[in-house]
Protein backbone atom coordinates (compact mmCIF):
# COMPACT_ATOMS: atom_id res chain seq x y z
CA MET A 1 -11.51 -26.49 51.33
CA PHE A 2 -9.89 -23.63 49.37
CA THR A 3 -7.02 -21.90 51.16
CA GLU A 4 -4.16 -19.58 50.25
CA ASP A 5 -1.79 -22.55 50.58
CA ASN A 6 -3.84 -24.49 48.04
CA LEU A 7 -3.71 -21.49 45.71
CA GLU A 8 0.09 -21.32 45.97
CA ILE A 9 0.37 -25.02 45.17
CA GLU A 10 -1.96 -24.64 42.19
CA ILE A 11 0.01 -21.66 40.81
CA LYS A 12 3.28 -23.56 41.25
CA ASN A 13 1.87 -26.58 39.43
CA ILE A 14 0.66 -24.44 36.52
CA SER A 15 3.92 -22.54 36.16
CA SER A 16 6.05 -25.70 36.29
CA THR A 17 3.94 -27.74 33.87
CA PRO A 18 5.50 -27.84 30.37
CA ILE A 19 3.30 -26.13 27.78
CA PHE A 20 2.86 -29.29 25.77
CA GLY A 21 2.23 -31.30 28.91
CA SER A 22 -0.61 -29.01 29.91
CA PHE A 23 -4.30 -29.86 29.78
CA GLU A 24 -4.91 -26.83 27.53
CA SER A 25 -2.54 -28.10 24.83
CA ASP A 26 -4.78 -31.15 24.43
CA ILE A 27 -8.01 -29.29 23.65
CA SER A 28 -9.18 -27.48 20.53
CA LEU A 29 -8.91 -23.71 20.38
CA PRO A 30 -12.30 -21.93 20.18
CA LYS A 31 -13.59 -21.62 16.63
CA GLU A 32 -17.32 -20.95 16.81
CA LYS A 33 -17.93 -20.33 20.52
CA LEU A 34 -15.79 -19.52 23.55
CA ASN A 35 -14.36 -22.29 25.69
CA ASN A 36 -15.66 -22.24 29.25
CA ASP A 37 -12.37 -21.84 31.10
CA SER A 38 -9.55 -19.31 31.09
CA MET A 39 -6.07 -20.30 29.96
CA ASN A 40 -2.54 -19.64 31.11
CA PRO A 41 -1.24 -16.67 29.07
CA GLN A 42 2.00 -18.41 28.05
CA ILE A 43 0.06 -21.39 26.75
CA ALA A 44 -2.44 -19.17 24.92
CA TYR A 45 0.45 -17.30 23.30
CA ARG A 46 2.19 -20.47 22.15
CA LEU A 47 -0.93 -22.17 20.80
CA ILE A 48 -1.97 -19.12 18.77
CA LYS A 49 1.57 -18.57 17.52
CA ASP A 50 1.66 -22.19 16.37
CA GLU A 51 -1.61 -21.65 14.48
CA LEU A 52 0.27 -19.14 12.33
CA LEU A 53 3.28 -21.31 11.54
CA ASN A 54 2.10 -22.43 8.11
CA GLU A 55 1.73 -18.87 6.82
CA GLY A 56 5.43 -18.72 6.14
CA ASN A 57 7.94 -15.94 6.65
CA SER A 58 6.59 -12.49 5.78
CA ARG A 59 10.10 -11.36 4.83
CA LEU A 60 9.96 -13.83 1.92
CA ASN A 61 6.64 -12.41 0.72
CA LEU A 62 7.60 -10.64 -2.50
CA ALA A 63 3.94 -10.13 -3.39
CA THR A 64 3.29 -7.27 -1.01
CA PHE A 65 4.37 -3.64 -0.97
CA CYS A 66 3.57 -3.50 2.76
CA GLN A 67 6.54 -3.34 5.08
CA THR A 68 7.60 -6.52 6.85
CA TYR A 69 10.49 -5.07 8.88
CA MET A 70 11.01 -2.18 11.27
CA GLU A 71 13.82 -1.51 13.71
CA ASP A 72 13.44 -2.84 17.25
CA GLU A 73 13.20 0.69 18.64
CA ALA A 74 10.34 1.48 16.24
CA THR A 75 8.51 -1.70 17.21
CA LYS A 76 9.04 -0.85 20.88
CA ILE A 77 7.64 2.67 20.71
CA MET A 78 4.72 1.47 18.57
CA SER A 79 3.88 -1.28 21.09
CA GLU A 80 4.01 1.30 23.87
CA THR A 81 1.44 3.49 22.10
CA PHE A 82 -1.13 0.87 21.02
CA ASP A 83 -3.46 2.25 23.70
CA LYS A 84 -3.57 5.79 22.31
CA ASN A 85 -6.69 6.53 20.27
CA ALA A 86 -5.75 8.65 17.27
CA ILE A 87 -9.20 10.23 17.07
CA ASP A 88 -9.05 11.59 20.64
CA LYS A 89 -7.23 14.83 19.89
CA SER A 90 -7.87 16.48 23.25
CA GLU A 91 -6.95 13.43 25.36
CA TYR A 92 -3.77 12.80 23.35
CA ALA A 93 -2.78 16.31 22.39
CA GLN A 94 0.89 15.53 21.82
CA THR A 95 0.00 12.63 19.53
CA ALA A 96 -2.22 15.03 17.56
CA ALA A 97 0.71 17.44 17.31
CA ILE A 98 2.95 14.62 16.04
CA GLU A 99 0.35 13.69 13.44
CA GLN A 100 0.33 17.31 12.22
CA ARG A 101 4.13 17.30 12.06
CA CYS A 102 3.92 14.24 9.79
CA VAL A 103 1.35 16.00 7.58
CA ASP A 104 3.67 19.01 7.30
CA ILE A 105 6.67 16.81 6.47
CA VAL A 106 4.76 14.91 3.77
CA ALA A 107 3.36 18.18 2.36
CA ASP A 108 6.91 19.54 2.15
CA LEU A 109 8.07 16.40 0.30
CA TRP A 110 5.23 16.98 -2.17
CA ASN A 111 6.13 20.65 -2.66
CA ALA A 112 2.96 22.06 -1.12
CA ASN A 113 2.87 25.84 -0.93
CA LYS A 114 2.09 27.14 2.57
CA SER A 115 0.47 30.22 1.06
CA GLU A 116 -2.20 27.95 -0.46
CA ASN A 117 -3.35 26.77 2.98
CA TYR A 118 -2.84 23.02 2.48
CA ILE A 119 -4.66 20.57 4.73
CA GLY A 120 -4.16 16.84 5.31
CA THR A 121 -4.59 13.91 7.63
CA SER A 122 -3.41 10.42 8.46
CA THR A 123 -5.58 7.50 7.37
CA VAL A 124 -5.81 3.73 7.71
CA GLY A 125 -3.66 3.01 4.67
CA SER A 126 -3.91 4.63 1.26
CA SER A 127 -7.32 3.08 0.53
CA GLU A 128 -9.01 5.38 3.04
CA ALA A 129 -6.85 8.22 1.74
CA CYS A 130 -8.03 7.54 -1.83
CA MET A 131 -11.64 7.42 -0.70
CA LEU A 132 -11.33 10.76 1.05
CA GLY A 133 -9.69 12.26 -2.04
CA GLY A 134 -12.46 10.84 -4.24
CA MET A 135 -15.23 12.04 -1.93
CA ALA A 136 -13.78 15.53 -1.90
CA MET A 137 -13.70 15.55 -5.72
CA LYS A 138 -17.35 14.49 -5.93
CA PHE A 139 -18.59 17.04 -3.39
CA ALA A 140 -16.52 19.84 -4.92
CA TRP A 141 -17.78 18.93 -8.43
CA ARG A 142 -21.35 19.00 -7.17
CA HIS A 143 -20.91 22.50 -5.74
CA ARG A 144 -19.47 23.74 -9.04
CA ALA A 145 -22.20 21.98 -11.04
CA GLU A 146 -24.97 23.55 -8.95
CA LYS A 147 -23.55 27.03 -9.54
CA LEU A 148 -23.47 26.33 -13.28
CA GLY A 149 -27.06 25.12 -13.25
CA LEU A 150 -26.22 21.55 -14.29
CA ASP A 151 -29.01 18.98 -13.89
CA LEU A 152 -27.51 16.66 -11.24
CA THR A 153 -30.17 14.00 -11.86
CA LYS A 154 -29.50 13.62 -15.58
CA GLN A 155 -26.66 11.12 -15.18
CA LYS A 156 -24.16 9.80 -12.67
CA PRO A 157 -21.01 11.75 -11.98
CA ASN A 158 -17.95 9.94 -13.35
CA LEU A 159 -14.31 9.48 -12.47
CA ILE A 160 -11.57 8.76 -15.05
CA ILE A 161 -8.71 6.35 -14.37
CA THR A 162 -6.50 3.82 -16.14
CA SER A 163 -7.67 0.20 -16.10
CA GLY A 164 -4.66 -0.63 -13.91
CA PHE A 165 -6.34 0.89 -10.85
CA GLN A 166 -6.37 -0.52 -7.32
CA VAL A 167 -9.70 -1.93 -6.10
CA CYS A 168 -10.29 0.90 -3.60
CA TRP A 169 -11.33 3.11 -6.53
CA GLU A 170 -13.97 0.61 -7.57
CA LYS A 171 -15.22 0.54 -3.98
CA LEU A 172 -15.41 4.33 -3.87
CA CYS A 173 -17.49 4.45 -7.02
CA VAL A 174 -19.88 1.76 -5.80
CA TYR A 175 -20.30 3.37 -2.39
CA LEU A 176 -20.82 6.90 -3.73
CA ASP A 177 -22.73 6.00 -6.91
CA ILE A 178 -20.04 7.23 -9.31
CA GLU A 179 -19.42 5.85 -12.79
CA LEU A 180 -15.84 4.58 -13.04
CA ARG A 181 -14.59 5.31 -16.55
CA GLU A 182 -11.60 3.09 -17.24
CA ILE A 183 -9.14 3.95 -19.98
CA PRO A 184 -7.85 0.54 -21.12
CA MET A 185 -4.15 -0.15 -20.98
CA THR A 186 -2.68 -1.56 -24.17
CA LYS A 187 0.40 -3.64 -24.89
CA ASP A 188 2.14 -0.53 -26.21
CA ASN A 189 0.89 1.76 -23.45
CA MET A 190 0.89 0.25 -19.96
CA CYS A 191 -0.17 3.54 -18.35
CA ILE A 192 -3.06 5.94 -18.79
CA ASP A 193 -3.52 6.84 -22.47
CA THR A 194 -3.13 10.62 -22.42
CA GLU A 195 -4.03 10.85 -26.11
CA HIS A 196 -7.58 9.73 -25.38
CA VAL A 197 -8.30 11.10 -21.90
CA LEU A 198 -10.56 13.87 -23.15
CA ASP A 199 -12.69 11.30 -24.99
CA TYR A 200 -13.94 10.23 -21.56
CA VAL A 201 -14.57 13.73 -20.15
CA ASP A 202 -17.92 15.50 -19.92
CA ASP A 203 -19.66 17.95 -17.58
CA TYR A 204 -20.26 15.13 -15.10
CA THR A 205 -16.57 14.26 -14.72
CA ILE A 206 -15.54 14.88 -11.12
CA GLY A 207 -11.85 14.48 -11.94
CA ILE A 208 -9.02 12.29 -13.20
CA VAL A 209 -6.92 9.94 -11.08
CA GLY A 210 -3.24 9.70 -11.96
CA LEU A 211 -1.32 6.71 -10.62
CA LEU A 212 2.22 7.15 -9.35
CA GLY A 213 2.79 3.41 -9.34
CA ILE A 214 0.30 1.15 -11.13
CA THR A 215 -0.46 -1.90 -9.00
CA TYR A 216 0.06 -4.40 -11.81
CA THR A 217 3.37 -3.18 -13.18
CA GLY A 218 4.69 -0.40 -10.95
CA LYS A 219 4.83 2.04 -13.88
CA PHE A 220 3.93 5.72 -13.51
CA ASP A 221 1.19 7.55 -15.37
CA ASP A 222 2.44 10.63 -17.22
CA ILE A 223 1.08 13.06 -14.65
CA GLU A 224 2.78 16.09 -16.17
CA ALA A 225 0.96 15.37 -19.44
CA LEU A 226 -2.33 14.97 -17.57
CA ASP A 227 -1.77 18.33 -15.92
CA LYS A 228 -1.25 19.99 -19.31
CA ILE A 229 -4.48 18.42 -20.57
CA CYS A 230 -6.34 19.84 -17.58
CA GLU A 231 -4.67 23.24 -18.03
CA GLU A 232 -5.80 23.55 -21.64
CA PHE A 233 -9.27 22.18 -20.88
CA ASN A 234 -9.83 24.62 -18.02
CA LYS A 235 -9.05 27.62 -20.26
CA THR A 236 -12.16 26.98 -22.34
CA HIS A 237 -14.59 25.25 -19.95
CA GLU A 238 -16.55 26.53 -16.98
CA GLN A 239 -16.70 23.08 -15.41
CA LYS A 240 -13.10 22.57 -14.32
CA LEU A 241 -11.01 19.41 -14.56
CA TYR A 242 -8.63 18.47 -11.74
CA LEU A 243 -6.30 15.64 -10.74
CA HIS A 244 -6.05 13.43 -7.69
CA ILE A 245 -2.77 11.51 -7.57
CA ASP A 246 -2.90 8.02 -6.13
CA ALA A 247 0.72 7.81 -5.03
CA ALA A 248 0.22 4.79 -2.78
CA SER A 249 3.59 3.35 -3.79
CA GLY A 250 5.49 6.28 -5.26
CA GLY A 251 4.51 9.11 -2.91
CA LEU A 252 7.16 8.36 -0.31
CA PHE A 253 9.69 6.95 -2.75
CA THR A 254 9.94 9.35 -5.69
CA PRO A 255 10.67 12.53 -3.63
CA PHE A 256 13.89 10.90 -2.43
CA VAL A 257 15.01 9.09 -5.58
CA ASN A 258 13.67 11.28 -8.40
CA PRO A 259 12.99 14.68 -6.81
CA GLU A 260 13.20 16.36 -10.23
CA LEU A 261 10.13 14.49 -11.53
CA PRO A 262 7.11 16.85 -11.72
CA TRP A 263 4.10 14.92 -10.45
CA ASP A 264 3.03 16.67 -7.24
CA PHE A 265 1.77 20.10 -6.12
CA ARG A 266 4.23 21.79 -8.45
CA LEU A 267 1.61 21.04 -11.11
CA ASN A 268 -1.29 23.51 -11.08
CA ASN A 269 -4.14 21.03 -11.44
CA VAL A 270 -3.02 18.44 -8.89
CA ILE A 271 -5.42 19.24 -6.05
CA SER A 272 -4.93 16.21 -3.80
CA ILE A 273 -2.45 13.38 -3.26
CA SER A 274 -2.69 10.15 -1.27
CA THR A 275 -0.02 7.67 -0.26
CA SER A 276 0.69 4.65 1.94
CA GLY A 277 2.97 5.17 4.89
CA HIS A 278 3.19 1.39 5.16
CA LYS A 279 4.77 0.98 1.74
CA TYR A 280 7.83 3.09 1.05
CA GLY A 281 7.15 5.18 4.13
CA LEU A 282 8.59 2.03 5.76
CA VAL A 283 5.95 1.55 8.50
CA TYR A 284 4.10 -1.66 9.37
CA PRO A 285 0.62 -1.92 7.75
CA GLY A 286 -2.08 0.49 8.82
CA ILE A 287 -1.01 4.04 7.91
CA GLY A 288 -1.69 6.35 4.98
CA TRP A 289 -1.71 10.09 4.24
CA VAL A 290 -3.83 12.41 2.12
CA ILE A 291 -3.18 16.11 1.50
CA TRP A 292 -5.12 18.77 -0.41
CA ARG A 293 -3.09 21.60 -1.90
CA ASP A 294 -5.59 24.17 -0.59
CA ARG A 295 -8.42 23.89 1.90
CA LYS A 296 -10.80 25.24 -0.76
CA PHE A 297 -10.58 21.86 -2.55
CA LEU A 298 -11.87 20.06 0.55
CA PRO A 299 -15.59 20.86 0.96
CA GLU A 300 -16.51 22.04 4.44
CA GLU A 301 -19.12 19.33 4.96
CA LEU A 302 -16.32 16.72 4.95
CA ILE A 303 -14.46 18.47 7.77
CA PHE A 304 -15.50 17.80 11.36
CA GLU A 305 -14.27 19.94 14.23
CA VAL A 306 -13.06 18.31 17.47
CA SER A 307 -11.87 19.91 20.68
CA TYR A 308 -8.12 20.33 20.92
CA LEU A 309 -6.23 22.28 23.63
CA GLY A 310 -9.20 24.52 24.27
CA GLY A 311 -9.69 25.19 20.57
CA LYS A 312 -10.97 23.34 17.53
CA LEU A 313 -9.07 20.94 15.29
CA PRO A 314 -10.35 19.84 11.86
CA THR A 315 -10.60 16.09 11.30
CA ILE A 316 -11.22 14.28 8.04
CA ALA A 317 -11.77 10.54 8.31
CA ILE A 318 -14.04 7.68 7.32
CA ASN A 319 -12.82 5.56 10.22
CA PHE A 320 -13.12 6.69 13.80
CA SER A 321 -11.36 5.06 16.78
CA ARG A 322 -7.99 3.52 15.90
CA SER A 323 -4.60 3.16 17.48
CA ALA A 324 -2.14 6.01 17.06
CA SER A 325 0.79 3.58 17.06
CA GLN A 326 1.23 3.68 13.26
CA ILE A 327 1.34 7.48 13.33
CA ILE A 328 4.05 7.26 15.99
CA GLY A 329 5.85 4.67 13.87
CA GLN A 330 5.80 7.00 10.87
CA TYR A 331 7.17 9.87 12.94
CA TYR A 332 9.89 7.59 14.34
CA ASN A 333 11.04 6.84 10.79
CA PHE A 334 11.00 10.53 9.86
CA VAL A 335 13.09 11.38 12.94
CA ARG A 336 15.36 8.34 12.62
CA PHE A 337 16.14 8.37 8.89
CA GLY A 338 15.89 12.00 7.85
CA PHE A 339 15.87 12.86 4.15
CA ASN A 340 19.26 11.34 3.40
CA GLY A 341 18.46 8.13 5.26
CA TYR A 342 15.32 7.57 3.21
CA LYS A 343 17.27 8.42 0.08
CA ARG A 344 19.99 5.86 0.82
CA ILE A 345 17.48 3.14 1.70
CA HIS A 346 15.37 3.70 -1.43
CA GLU A 347 18.34 4.00 -3.78
CA ARG A 348 19.75 0.76 -2.41
CA THR A 349 16.35 -0.93 -2.80
CA LYS A 350 16.20 0.28 -6.41
CA ASP A 351 19.71 -1.13 -7.01
CA VAL A 352 18.54 -4.54 -5.78
CA ALA A 353 15.50 -4.47 -8.07
CA MET A 354 17.57 -3.58 -11.12
CA PHE A 355 20.11 -6.29 -10.22
CA LEU A 356 17.33 -8.89 -10.13
CA SER A 357 15.92 -7.58 -13.40
CA ARG A 358 19.27 -7.89 -15.18
CA GLU A 359 19.88 -11.41 -13.89
CA ILE A 360 16.38 -12.62 -14.80
CA GLU A 361 16.69 -11.11 -18.27
CA LYS A 362 19.93 -13.05 -18.81
CA LEU A 363 17.95 -16.30 -18.63
CA ASP A 364 16.50 -15.33 -22.03
CA LEU A 365 13.05 -16.65 -21.12
CA PHE A 366 11.36 -13.51 -19.80
CA GLU A 367 10.26 -10.20 -21.26
CA ILE A 368 10.81 -7.48 -18.67
CA TYR A 369 7.92 -5.01 -18.27
CA ASN A 370 9.44 -3.08 -15.39
CA ASP A 371 13.13 -3.27 -14.48
CA GLY A 372 12.82 -1.26 -11.26
CA GLU A 373 13.44 2.10 -12.90
CA ASN A 374 10.23 3.76 -11.61
CA LEU A 375 9.55 1.77 -8.46
CA PRO A 376 11.81 -0.99 -7.14
CA ILE A 377 9.72 -3.82 -8.51
CA VAL A 378 10.51 -6.29 -11.27
CA CYS A 379 7.65 -7.26 -13.55
CA TYR A 380 7.92 -9.74 -16.43
CA LYS A 381 6.15 -12.30 -18.59
CA LEU A 382 7.32 -15.36 -20.44
CA LYS A 383 8.55 -14.53 -23.92
CA ASP A 384 6.23 -15.58 -26.74
CA ASP A 385 9.03 -17.77 -28.12
CA ALA A 386 10.18 -19.11 -24.75
CA ASN A 387 9.19 -22.63 -25.85
CA VAL A 388 8.61 -24.00 -22.35
CA ASN A 389 5.90 -26.37 -21.17
CA TRP A 390 5.22 -24.53 -17.92
CA THR A 391 3.55 -21.25 -16.94
CA LEU A 392 4.27 -18.48 -14.48
CA TYR A 393 1.69 -20.10 -12.19
CA ASP A 394 3.92 -23.18 -12.14
CA LEU A 395 6.94 -21.02 -11.39
CA ALA A 396 5.06 -19.32 -8.53
CA ASP A 397 4.19 -22.72 -7.06
CA ARG A 398 7.77 -23.93 -7.39
CA LEU A 399 9.13 -20.81 -5.65
CA LEU A 400 6.58 -21.24 -2.87
CA MET A 401 8.10 -24.64 -2.11
CA ARG A 402 11.17 -22.68 -1.03
CA GLY A 403 9.14 -20.16 0.96
CA TRP A 404 9.08 -17.33 -1.62
CA GLN A 405 5.68 -15.79 -2.38
CA VAL A 406 5.83 -14.34 -5.90
CA PRO A 407 2.42 -13.73 -7.49
CA ALA A 408 1.48 -14.53 -11.07
CA TYR A 409 -1.65 -12.87 -12.43
CA PRO A 410 -3.29 -11.66 -15.64
CA LEU A 411 -3.25 -8.01 -16.64
CA PRO A 412 -6.57 -6.08 -16.51
CA ALA A 413 -9.30 -5.85 -19.15
CA ASN A 414 -8.07 -5.69 -22.74
CA LEU A 415 -4.83 -7.45 -21.76
CA GLU A 416 -6.19 -10.33 -19.69
CA GLU A 417 -4.54 -12.89 -21.97
CA THR A 418 -1.15 -11.68 -20.77
CA LEU A 419 0.11 -13.41 -17.64
CA ILE A 420 2.78 -11.58 -15.68
CA GLN A 421 4.76 -12.03 -12.48
CA ARG A 422 5.88 -9.34 -10.05
CA ILE A 423 8.70 -9.14 -7.53
CA VAL A 424 8.38 -6.31 -5.02
CA CYS A 425 11.67 -5.22 -3.49
CA ARG A 426 11.24 -3.63 -0.08
CA ALA A 427 13.76 -2.00 2.22
CA ASP A 428 14.43 -5.30 4.02
CA MET A 429 15.56 -7.08 0.85
CA GLY A 430 19.30 -6.56 0.82
CA LYS A 431 21.72 -7.83 -1.82
CA ASN A 432 22.41 -11.07 0.08
CA LEU A 433 18.72 -11.96 0.37
CA ALA A 434 18.26 -11.05 -3.31
CA GLU A 435 21.08 -13.39 -4.27
CA SER A 436 19.47 -16.19 -2.25
CA PHE A 437 16.18 -15.57 -4.03
CA LEU A 438 17.90 -15.52 -7.43
CA SER A 439 19.56 -18.85 -6.71
CA ASP A 440 16.19 -20.40 -5.84
CA PHE A 441 14.61 -18.72 -8.87
CA LYS A 442 17.17 -20.23 -11.25
CA THR A 443 16.82 -23.64 -9.62
CA ALA A 444 13.03 -23.49 -9.96
CA VAL A 445 13.30 -22.57 -13.66
CA ASP A 446 15.80 -25.37 -14.24
CA GLU A 447 13.61 -27.94 -12.48
CA LEU A 448 10.53 -26.90 -14.45
CA SER A 449 12.34 -26.79 -17.78
CA ASN A 450 14.01 -30.15 -17.31
CA LYS A 451 11.11 -31.76 -15.42
CA ARG A 452 13.51 -32.90 -12.75
CA GLU A 453 11.59 -34.43 -9.88
CA ARG A 454 12.84 -36.23 -6.81
CA THR A 455 12.11 -39.94 -7.22
CA GLY A 456 12.76 -43.00 -5.12
CA ALA A 457 13.40 -43.11 -1.38
CA PHE A 458 15.45 -40.51 0.40
CA GLY A 459 16.72 -40.59 3.92
CA PHE A 460 18.82 -38.48 6.25
CA THR A 461 22.55 -38.76 6.72
CA HIS A 462 23.61 -38.55 10.34
C-alpha cells in the first residue's frame, strides 16, 4: 500500500544512491523513442554531460570564430533571461528597448547618420542578417527595375561576390532564385578583384557584396574601391549599383582597432551592413545584427509592425520565436567593456595572432597568407619547397591528438589545389595559451618531419 512514509523512504533511497550505482546509469539513453520512465534530474544531467565528453574542450577549438568564453556575470544574466521571447515586443518591452539600444550602438560604431533614418535589428547570427540584407537588395532592385520598365522575366536577378564567400550567400540565392556571380580569387589577389567587377554587372544586378573578413583567409575586400566603382557607375546608369557589407567577422572588430579604415556608412553606396555578435562582439553563439543606412533601402513589404507600448514597432526577421538571452548578453558586453574595453581586448587578441604568425614563419616551412593584420587569424600553407612528406591534414590530425582543433582545407574554385590552415585567435586566447599551443605545434611538426612514433611498451611511474 502506498503511503507518505513509503514516499519519504523512496525519495531518501533515490537521493542517497550514487549516480553510477543507480538503475538509470545501467540503461541506454533514448535514441529513437522515449524511455517509459522519468529519471532523477542529477542522473539525467550527468549522463548527458558524459555523452559530450569526447567533443573536447571548446576553448581549444581554433577553427571557429564563435566565442567560447564569457564572464560568469554574463552567463548568469543570460541564463536568467532564457525564458524571454525576443519577438514578443509588448510582453517584454524593456528587452525590446535594450535591443534598440544595441542597434543604436552598432549603428554609431558604423558611422550611421541619424539624419538618414537608419533602421536595424538583431538576428540569429550573421547568416540571417546576410539573408535579410540580400532580400532587401532584391526587393529594392525589383522596385527600381519596374519603374524603368525592365522585363523581370527575361533573366534571373544576380548578386556579385568574391568566390571566398560564406555559404549563407549561396543559400540566399537558392532560396530567392538569384544567380550568384562569383569573382574568382587568384593567387595574387585573395580578395574581390575590383579591376573586373563591372564585367559581371548588368541591369539585373541587385548589388555587390563586400566582405570585411573573408572566411578562408580573414582578408578584407577593398570596400573603398568598390564604393568608387559604384559611384562612377551610378553617374551614368539609371539602374543603380549598391553595396551590402558582410562584416560577420570585422564589423565589431575593425571599429575598435582600425577606426580610420573607410568601409562602413561613411561610404555613399554602402546601404546595409551585417555582422555577428557572437564573433568579435564576444557573445556566445546565436546573435547577429543588420543595419540599413536609411529606411528607404529596406522595402516596406519586408517590415512587419507589432504592438509595442500602445504603439507600433517595426520588426524585420526570418525567424520568429527565439530567446532574448543573446541580446541581453550583447548588451551586457557593451555596458561592461565600453569602447576602450573592446579596444584593449581586440588589440591584445591581434598581438597574440601576430606573435603566432611570427613564430610559425620562423620554422621556415610555411608561407603566411594572413599574419593577423586585418583580423586576428593566422592563415598559411606549406611552402612549395618545404620538402616534407606530410600535409597540413596530417598536421591537423597531430594537433588534434593534443586537443587542438585547427582546420586544414582547400581554397575555393580556381585555387582548390592550394591547401591552407587557419588559426582563429579569439578573446579567450591569451599569450600563455598561445605559447602552449605553439609548443604543441612545434612538437607536432617535429614528430611529423622526423617520423618519431612511440614504440614498444610504456607504463606509468608511481
